[in-house]
Amino acid sequence: MQQAQNTLIAERLWIPADTQAILWDMDGVLIDSVSAYLVICNQLLRQHFGNPVIITKAFIRSILAYEPVKFFELILAFVEKTYLTPEATKSIDKMVTAFRQARHDNVIELNPGIRDILKAARSQSLKMAVVSNNPTADIKSILTRSGILDDFDSIVGNDIKKLAKKPAPDTYLLAAQLLAVNPKKCVVIEDTLIGIEAGYNANCYTIGVATGGTDFKSLEQAKGVRQVYSSFNT
């Protein structure tokens, strides 16, 4: 299926042979955010509202692409509607602060295959950046605790002034600029439709992986996606 002009990284990821940089989303791609956030969010909801307020893994997946404030706005709106909890959304500031602290305090596991791909990409002198819909300090903290921050040349968060958030291409274009690489020579790896759109709009070679917010079929049907993987496990 793969053509001769493509290169295989760590026996599991095909990229164009002329690729100079890989631009990674974080949640759902590098780290197993779905599993981690399911536990964290349900703990926070139980502490704040008591039993039986819970959210499901499917619900976490459906909102994974959003930055922390919007993420919890959607959770609390769901709680208010589903559990008839009046004014649940007024807890937004407290819940976001607690959520961000929990991410700082916990080690979030890497998705299978990620460590091998990062090591192989480094050995082939590929530049790498993380482009995430999270504040830059949060990204650095999470990746430090997961043990992979030093694998990246640049970190681009959603708090850089004058940059529109995904699905706008701004953050991916900035990452390419920081790495001094033409966006057309960059591979973007994303797990959500919003991220795929951002990578496509930035004129990058965009790959989907169904380890986060979007299932394989939906990623496969997304405009601009060039390849889709179920995971990077062997």
C-alpha atoms as a PDB file:
ATOM      1  CA  MET A   1       0.000   0.000   0.000  1.00  0.00           C
ATOM      2  CA  GLN A   2       2.751   2.451   0.939  1.00  0.00           C
ATOM      3  CA  GLN A   3       4.764   3.881  -1.912  1.00  0.00           C
ATOM      4  CA  ALA A   4       8.520   3.845  -2.275  1.00  0.00           C
ATOM      5  CA  GLN A   5       8.836   7.581  -1.570  1.00  0.00           C
ATOM      6  CA  ASN A   6       7.543   7.056   1.959  1.00  0.00           C
ATOM      7  CA  THR A   7       9.642   6.295   5.037  1.00  0.00           C
ATOM      8  CA  LEU A   8       8.675   3.900   7.821  1.00  0.00           C
ATOM      9  CA  ILE A   9       9.357   5.154  11.358  1.00  0.00           C
ATOM     10  CA  ALA A  10       9.809   2.605  14.171  1.00  0.00           C
ATOM     11  CA  GLU A  11       8.153  -0.086  12.044  1.00  0.00           C
ATOM     12  CA  ARG A  12       4.749   1.514  12.562  1.00  0.00           C
ATOM     13  CA  LEU A  13       4.398   5.037  11.092  1.00  0.00           C
ATOM     14  CA  TRP A  14       4.691   5.912   7.409  1.00  0.00           C
ATOM     15  CA  ILE A  15       5.663   9.486   6.540  1.00  0.00           C
ATOM     16  CA  PRO A  16       6.723  11.135   3.258  1.00  0.00           C
ATOM     17  CA  ALA A  17      10.443  10.656   2.601  1.00  0.00           C
ATOM     18  CA  ASP A  18      10.988  14.421   2.341  1.00  0.00           C
ATOM     19  CA  THR A  19       9.492  15.094   5.803  1.00  0.00           C
ATOM     20  CA  GLN A  20      11.584  17.466   7.907  1.00  0.00           C
ATOM     21  CA  ALA A  21       9.404  17.748  11.013  1.00  0.00           C
ATOM     22  CA  ILE A  22       6.619  15.983  12.887  1.00  0.00           C
ATOM     23  CA  LEU A  23       4.075  18.174  14.693  1.00  0.00           C
ATOM     24  CA  TRP A  24       2.241  16.285  17.402  1.00  0.00           C
ATOM     25  CA  ASP A  25      -1.036  16.965  19.127  1.00  0.00           C
ATOM     26  CA  MET A  26      -0.811  15.977  22.804  1.00  0.00           C
ATOM     27  CA  ASP A  27      -4.144  14.806  24.237  1.00  0.00           C
ATOM     28  CA  GLY A  28      -5.193  11.478  22.758  1.00  0.00           C
ATOM     29  CA  VAL A  29      -2.122  11.245  20.528  1.00  0.00           C
ATOM     30  CA  LEU A  30       0.995  11.340  22.684  1.00  0.00           C
ATOM     31  CA  ILE A  31      -0.755  10.558  25.962  1.00  0.00           C
ATOM     32  CA  ASP A  32      -3.721   8.403  26.957  1.00  0.00           C
ATOM     33  CA  SER A  33      -5.838  11.373  27.948  1.00  0.00           C
ATOM     34  CA  VAL A  34      -9.139   9.563  27.595  1.00  0.00           C
ATOM     35  CA  SER A  35      -8.367   7.050  30.352  1.00  0.00           C
ATOM     36  CA  ALA A  36      -6.667   9.605  32.588  1.00  0.00           C
ATOM     37  CA  TYR A  37      -9.310  12.308  32.253  1.00  0.00           C
ATOM     38  CA  LEU A  38     -12.129   9.820  32.805  1.00  0.00           C
ATOM     39  CA  VAL A  39     -10.701   9.022  36.238  1.00  0.00           C
ATOM     40  CA  ILE A  40      -9.781  12.623  37.103  1.00  0.00           C
ATOM     41  CA  CYS A  41     -13.091  14.144  36.021  1.00  0.00           C
ATOM     42  CA  ASN A  42     -15.243  11.556  37.760  1.00  0.00           C
ATOM     43  CA  GLN A  43     -13.246  12.013  40.960  1.00  0.00           C
ATOM     44  CA  LEU A  44     -13.744  15.773  40.795  1.00  0.00           C
ATOM     45  CA  LEU A  45     -17.450  15.438  40.043  1.00  0.00           C
ATOM     46  CA  ARG A  46     -17.944  12.992  42.897  1.00  0.00           C
ATOM     47  CA  GLN A  47     -16.097  15.292  45.297  1.00  0.00           C
ATOM     48  CA  HIS A  48     -18.119  18.318  44.235  1.00  0.00           C
ATOM     49  CA  PHE A  49     -21.593  16.895  43.576  1.00  0.00           C
ATOM     50  CA  GLY A  50     -21.530  13.504  45.288  1.00  0.00           C
ATOM     51  CA  ASN A  51     -22.784  10.226  43.848  1.00  0.00           C
ATOM     52  CA  PRO A  52     -24.171   9.226  41.395  1.00  0.00           C
ATOM     53  CA  VAL A  53     -22.886  11.999  39.091  1.00  0.00           C
ATOM     54  CA  ILE A  54     -20.598  10.375  36.517  1.00  0.00           C
ATOM     55  CA  ILE A  55     -19.556  10.807  32.914  1.00  0.00           C
ATOM     56  CA  THR A  56     -18.633   8.042  30.490  1.00  0.00           C
ATOM     57  CA  LYS A  57     -15.542   7.330  28.446  1.00  0.00           C
ATOM     58  CA  ALA A  58     -17.525   8.004  25.275  1.00  0.00           C
ATOM     59  CA  PHE A  59     -18.449  11.459  26.563  1.00  0.00           C
ATOM     60  CA  ILE A  60     -14.813  12.248  27.403  1.00  0.00           C
ATOM     61  CA  ARG A  61     -13.813  11.209  23.887  1.00  0.00           C
ATOM     62  CA  SER A  62     -16.468  13.438  22.363  1.00  0.00           C
ATOM     63  CA  ILE A  63     -15.087  16.594  24.042  1.00  0.00           C
ATOM     64  CA  LEU A  64     -11.367  15.777  24.144  1.00  0.00           C
ATOM     65  CA  ALA A  65     -10.445  18.309  21.457  1.00  0.00           C
ATOM     66  CA  TYR A  66     -11.517  21.304  23.535  1.00  0.00           C
ATOM     67  CA  GLU A  67      -9.300  23.445  25.749  1.00  0.00           C
ATOM     68  CA  PRO A  68      -9.806  23.038  29.536  1.00  0.00           C
ATOM     69  CA  VAL A  69     -12.403  25.784  30.076  1.00  0.00           C
ATOM     70  CA  LYS A  70     -14.632  24.695  27.194  1.00  0.00           C
ATOM     71  CA  PHE A  71     -14.010  21.051  28.174  1.00  0.00           C
ATOM     72  CA  PHE A  72     -15.455  21.643  31.631  1.00  0.00           C
ATOM     73  CA  GLU A  73     -18.218  23.914  30.386  1.00  0.00           C
ATOM     74  CA  LEU A  74     -19.492  20.946  28.377  1.00  0.00           C
ATOM     75  CA  ILE A  75     -19.112  18.552  31.311  1.00  0.00           C
ATOM     76  CA  LEU A  76     -20.989  20.818  33.715  1.00  0.00           C
ATOM     77  CA  ALA A  77     -23.723  21.553  31.185  1.00  0.00           C
ATOM     78  CA  PHE A  78     -24.172  17.792  30.824  1.00  0.00           C
ATOM     79  CA  VAL A  79     -24.307  17.352  34.601  1.00  0.00           C
ATOM     80  CA  GLU A  80     -26.830  20.169  34.964  1.00  0.00           C
ATOM     81  CA  LYS A  81     -29.115  18.718  32.307  1.00  0.00           C
ATOM     82  CA  THR A  82     -28.724  14.984  32.998  1.00  0.00           C
ATOM     83  CA  TYR A  83     -28.714  15.040  36.785  1.00  0.00           C
ATOM     84  CA  LEU A  84     -31.003  18.057  37.200  1.00  0.00           C
ATOM     85  CA  THR A  85     -28.280  19.801  39.174  1.00  0.00           C
ATOM     86  CA  PRO A  86     -29.211  23.506  39.334  1.00  0.00           C
ATOM     87  CA  GLU A  87     -26.481  25.970  38.452  1.00  0.00           C
ATOM     88  CA  ALA A  88     -23.780  23.300  38.051  1.00  0.00           C
ATOM     89  CA  THR A  89     -22.094  25.480  35.448  1.00  0.00           C
ATOM     90  CA  LYS A  90     -21.346  28.095  38.108  1.00  0.00           C
ATOM     91  CA  SER A  91     -18.648  25.732  39.409  1.00  0.00           C
ATOM     92  CA  ILE A  92     -16.578  26.180  36.243  1.00  0.00           C
ATOM     93  CA  ASP A  93     -13.645  28.140  37.725  1.00  0.00           C
ATOM     94  CA  LYS A  94     -13.219  25.810  40.673  1.00  0.00           C
ATOM     95  CA  MET A  95     -13.459  22.690  38.521  1.00  0.00           C
ATOM     96  CA  VAL A  96     -10.997  23.899  35.880  1.00  0.00           C
ATOM     97  CA  THR A  97      -8.464  24.841  38.558  1.00  0.00           C
ATOM     98  CA  ALA A  98      -8.813  21.431  40.197  1.00  0.00           C
ATOM     99  CA  PHE A  99      -8.573  19.668  36.830  1.00  0.00           C
ATOM    100  CA  ARG A 100      -5.388  21.476  35.858  1.00  0.00           C
ATOM    101  CA  GLN A 101      -3.869  20.718  39.258  1.00  0.00           C
ATOM    102  CA  ALA A 102      -4.739  17.025  38.924  1.00  0.00           C
ATOM    103  CA  ARG A 103      -2.997  16.900  35.541  1.00  0.00           C
ATOM    104  CA  HIS A 104       0.098  18.427  37.150  1.00  0.00           C
ATOM    105  CA  ASP A 105       0.024  15.942  40.015  1.00  0.00           C
ATOM    106  CA  ASN A 106      -0.483  12.744  38.017  1.00  0.00           C
ATOM    107  CA  VAL A 107       1.671  10.927  35.486  1.00  0.00           C
ATOM    108  CA  ILE A 108      -0.415  10.386  32.355  1.00  0.00           C
ATOM    109  CA  GLU A 109       0.631   7.266  30.486  1.00  0.00           C
ATOM    110  CA  LEU A 110       1.937   7.477  26.933  1.00  0.00           C
ATOM    111  CA  ASN A 111      -0.098   5.820  24.231  1.00  0.00           C
ATOM    112  CA  PRO A 112       1.417   2.547  22.965  1.00  0.00           C
ATOM    113  CA  GLY A 113       4.209   2.975  20.427  1.00  0.00           C
ATOM    114  CA  ILE A 114       4.780   6.667  21.063  1.00  0.00           C
ATOM    115  CA  ARG A 115       8.104   6.315  22.858  1.00  0.00           C
ATOM    116  CA  ASP A 116       9.468   4.111  20.048  1.00  0.00           C
ATOM    117  CA  ILE A 117       8.371   6.566  17.344  1.00  0.00           C
ATOM    118  CA  LEU A 118       9.903   9.537  19.158  1.00  0.00           C
ATOM    119  CA  LYS A 119      13.203   7.697  19.576  1.00  0.00           C
ATOM    120  CA  ALA A 120      13.284   6.614  15.934  1.00  0.00           C
ATOM    121  CA  ALA A 121      12.370  10.077  14.680  1.00  0.00           C
ATOM    122  CA  ARG A 122      15.200  11.573  16.708  1.00  0.00           C
ATOM    123  CA  SER A 123      17.649   9.051  15.259  1.00  0.00           C
ATOM    124  CA  GLN A 124      16.621  10.204  11.776  1.00  0.00           C
ATOM    125  CA  SER A 125      17.207  13.882  12.674  1.00  0.00           C
ATOM    126  CA  LEU A 126      13.563  14.853  12.314  1.00  0.00           C
ATOM    127  CA  LYS A 127      12.545  18.025  14.128  1.00  0.00           C
ATOM    128  CA  MET A 128       9.534  17.742  16.422  1.00  0.00           C
ATOM    129  CA  ALA A 129       7.054  20.022  18.148  1.00  0.00           C
ATOM    130  CA  VAL A 130       3.932  19.640  20.250  1.00  0.00           C
ATOM    131  CA  VAL A 131       0.941  21.734  19.173  1.00  0.00           C
ATOM    132  CA  SER A 132      -1.853  21.463  21.716  1.00  0.00           C
ATOM    133  CA  ASN A 133      -5.111  23.190  22.640  1.00  0.00           C
ATOM    134  CA  ASN A 134      -3.781  23.607  26.209  1.00  0.00           C
ATOM    135  CA  PRO A 135      -1.811  26.366  27.940  1.00  0.00           C
ATOM    136  CA  THR A 136       1.921  26.065  27.253  1.00  0.00           C
ATOM    137  CA  ALA A 137       2.850  25.627  30.924  1.00  0.00           C
ATOM    138  CA  ASP A 138       0.351  22.769  31.263  1.00  0.00           C
ATOM    139  CA  ILE A 139       1.797  21.008  28.217  1.00  0.00           C
ATOM    140  CA  LYS A 140       5.324  21.237  29.555  1.00  0.00           C
ATOM    141  CA  SER A 141       4.281  19.997  32.990  1.00  0.00           C
ATOM    142  CA  ILE A 142       2.346  17.018  31.608  1.00  0.00           C
ATOM    143  CA  LEU A 143       5.095  15.989  29.177  1.00  0.00           C
ATOM    144  CA  THR A 144       7.789  16.396  31.832  1.00  0.00           C
ATOM    145  CA  ARG A 145       5.952  14.003  34.131  1.00  0.00           C
ATOM    146  CA  SER A 146       5.395  11.618  31.222  1.00  0.00           C
ATOM    147  CA  GLY A 147       9.136  11.704  30.506  1.00  0.00           C
ATOM    148  CA  ILE A 148       9.142  12.993  26.930  1.00  0.00           C
ATOM    149  CA  LEU A 149       9.425  16.793  27.085  1.00  0.00           C
ATOM    150  CA  ASP A 150      13.074  16.710  25.999  1.00  0.00           C
ATOM    151  CA  ASP A 151      12.140  14.919  22.782  1.00  0.00           C
ATOM    152  CA  PHE A 152      10.641  18.120  21.371  1.00  0.00           C
ATOM    153  CA  ASP A 153      12.276  21.193  19.897  1.00  0.00           C
ATOM    154  CA  SER A 154       9.268  23.462  20.450  1.00  0.00           C
ATOM    155  CA  ILE A 155       6.022  23.575  22.410  1.00  0.00           C
ATOM    156  CA  VAL A 156       3.098  25.606  21.055  1.00  0.00           C
ATOM    157  CA  GLY A 157       0.106  26.069  23.357  1.00  0.00           C
ATOM    158  CA  ASN A 158      -3.214  27.839  22.960  1.00  0.00           C
ATOM    159  CA  ASP A 159      -2.216  30.855  25.043  1.00  0.00           C
ATOM    160  CA  ILE A 160       0.039  32.606  22.540  1.00  0.00           C
ATOM    161  CA  LYS A 161      -1.408  36.022  21.818  1.00  0.00           C
ATOM    162  CA  LYS A 162      -2.963  36.767  18.446  1.00  0.00           C
ATOM    163  CA  LEU A 163      -3.035  33.079  17.451  1.00  0.00           C
ATOM    164  CA  ALA A 164      -6.402  31.502  16.732  1.00  0.00           C
ATOM    165  CA  LYS A 165      -6.996  28.087  18.257  1.00  0.00           C
ATOM    166  CA  LYS A 166      -7.563  24.897  16.270  1.00  0.00           C
ATOM    167  CA  PRO A 167      -9.243  24.330  13.817  1.00  0.00           C
ATOM    168  CA  ALA A 168      -7.495  27.484  12.593  1.00  0.00           C
ATOM    169  CA  PRO A 169      -4.012  26.680  11.239  1.00  0.00           C
ATOM    170  CA  ASP A 170      -2.235  29.353  13.289  1.00  0.00           C
ATOM    171  CA  THR A 171      -0.589  27.145  15.910  1.00  0.00           C
ATOM    172  CA  TYR A 172       0.668  24.645  13.363  1.00  0.00           C
ATOM    173  CA  LEU A 173       2.012  27.427  11.164  1.00  0.00           C
ATOM    174  CA  LEU A 174       3.839  28.912  14.150  1.00  0.00           C
ATOM    175  CA  ALA A 175       5.333  25.515  15.020  1.00  0.00           C
ATOM    176  CA  ALA A 176       6.668  25.143  11.479  1.00  0.00           C
ATOM    177  CA  GLN A 177       8.084  28.655  11.664  1.00  0.00           C
ATOM    178  CA  LEU A 178       9.807  27.967  15.003  1.00  0.00           C
ATOM    179  CA  LEU A 179      11.374  24.837  13.524  1.00  0.00           C
ATOM    180  CA  ALA A 180      12.376  26.744  10.351  1.00  0.00           C
ATOM    181  CA  VAL A 181      10.554  24.194   8.185  1.00  0.00           C
ATOM    182  CA  ASN A 182       8.110  24.706   5.308  1.00  0.00           C
ATOM    183  CA  PRO A 183       4.656  23.507   6.475  1.00  0.00           C
ATOM    184  CA  LYS A 184       4.491  21.313   3.375  1.00  0.00           C
ATOM    185  CA  LYS A 185       7.467  19.383   4.770  1.00  0.00           C
ATOM    186  CA  CYS A 186       5.706  18.834   8.107  1.00  0.00           C
ATOM    187  CA  VAL A 187       3.634  15.862   9.212  1.00  0.00           C
ATOM    188  CA  VAL A 188       0.787  16.636  11.619  1.00  0.00           C
ATOM    189  CA  ILE A 189      -0.533  13.812  13.817  1.00  0.00           C
ATOM    190  CA  GLU A 190      -3.993  14.362  15.299  1.00  0.00           C
ATOM    191  CA  ASP A 191      -6.830  12.424  16.920  1.00  0.00           C
ATOM    192  CA  THR A 192      -9.766  14.794  16.388  1.00  0.00           C
ATOM    193  CA  LEU A 193     -11.600  16.344  13.464  1.00  0.00           C
ATOM    194  CA  ILE A 194     -10.773  19.813  14.771  1.00  0.00           C
ATOM    195  CA  GLY A 195      -7.070  18.927  14.776  1.00  0.00           C
ATOM    196  CA  ILE A 196      -7.208  17.309  11.344  1.00  0.00           C
ATOM    197  CA  GLU A 197      -8.797  20.475   9.971  1.00  0.00           C
ATOM    198  CA  ALA A 198      -6.066  22.608  11.540  1.00  0.00           C
ATOM    199  CA  GLY A 199      -3.297  20.486  10.037  1.00  0.00           C
ATOM    200  CA  TYR A 200      -4.964  20.478   6.629  1.00  0.00           C
ATOM    201  CA  ASN A 201      -5.500  24.245   6.722  1.00  0.00           C
ATOM    202  CA  ALA A 202      -1.795  24.661   7.504  1.00  0.00           C
ATOM    203  CA  ASN A 203      -0.907  22.709   4.328  1.00  0.00           C
ATOM    204  CA  CYS A 204       0.757  19.942   6.316  1.00  0.00           C
ATOM    205  CA  TYR A 205       0.655  16.214   5.568  1.00  0.00           C
ATOM    206  CA  THR A 206      -2.006  15.236   8.085  1.00  0.00           C
ATOM    207  CA  ILE A 207      -2.350  11.843   9.763  1.00  0.00           C
ATOM    208  CA  GLY A 208      -5.156  10.680  12.050  1.00  0.00           C
ATOM    209  CA  VAL A 209      -4.858   8.184  14.889  1.00  0.00           C
ATOM    210  CA  ALA A 210      -7.936   6.789  16.655  1.00  0.00           C
ATOM    211  CA  THR A 211      -6.476   6.693  20.170  1.00  0.00           C
ATOM    212  CA  GLY A 212      -8.230   9.820  21.371  1.00  0.00           C
ATOM    213  CA  GLY A 213     -11.277  11.887  20.562  1.00  0.00           C
ATOM    214  CA  THR A 214     -12.458  10.438  17.238  1.00  0.00           C
ATOM    215  CA  ASP A 215     -13.067   6.930  15.942  1.00  0.00           C
ATOM    216  CA  PHE A 216     -11.231   5.432  12.964  1.00  0.00           C
ATOM    217  CA  LYS A 217     -14.126   5.686  10.498  1.00  0.00           C
ATOM    218  CA  SER A 218     -14.785   9.359  11.227  1.00  0.00           C
ATOM    219  CA  LEU A 219     -11.103  10.205  10.898  1.00  0.00           C
ATOM    220  CA  GLU A 220     -10.901   8.265   7.643  1.00  0.00           C
ATOM    221  CA  GLN A 221     -13.730  10.354   6.205  1.00  0.00           C
ATOM    222  CA  ALA A 222     -12.261  13.691   7.287  1.00  0.00           C
ATOM    223  CA  LYS A 223     -11.287  16.191   4.636  1.00  0.00           C
ATOM    224  CA  GLY A 224      -7.533  16.465   4.220  1.00  0.00           C
ATOM    225  CA  VAL A 225      -6.493  13.362   6.134  1.00  0.00           C
ATOM    226  CA  ARG A 226      -3.816  11.380   4.305  1.00  0.00           C
ATOM    227  CA  GLN A 227      -3.564   8.290   6.490  1.00  0.00           C
ATOM    228  CA  VAL A 228      -5.395   6.907   9.524  1.00  0.00           C
ATOM    229  CA  TYR A 229      -4.144   4.470  12.152  1.00  0.00           C
ATOM    230  CA  SER A 230      -6.145   2.635  14.784  1.00  0.00           C
ATOM    231  CA  SER A 231      -3.128   3.069  17.076  1.00  0.00           C
ATOM    232  CA  PHE A 232       0.676   3.073  16.905  1.00  0.00           C
ATOM    233  CA  ASN A 233       0.935  -0.197  18.769  1.00  0.00           C
ATOM    234  CA  THR A 234       2.564  -3.060  16.871  1.00  0.00           C
END
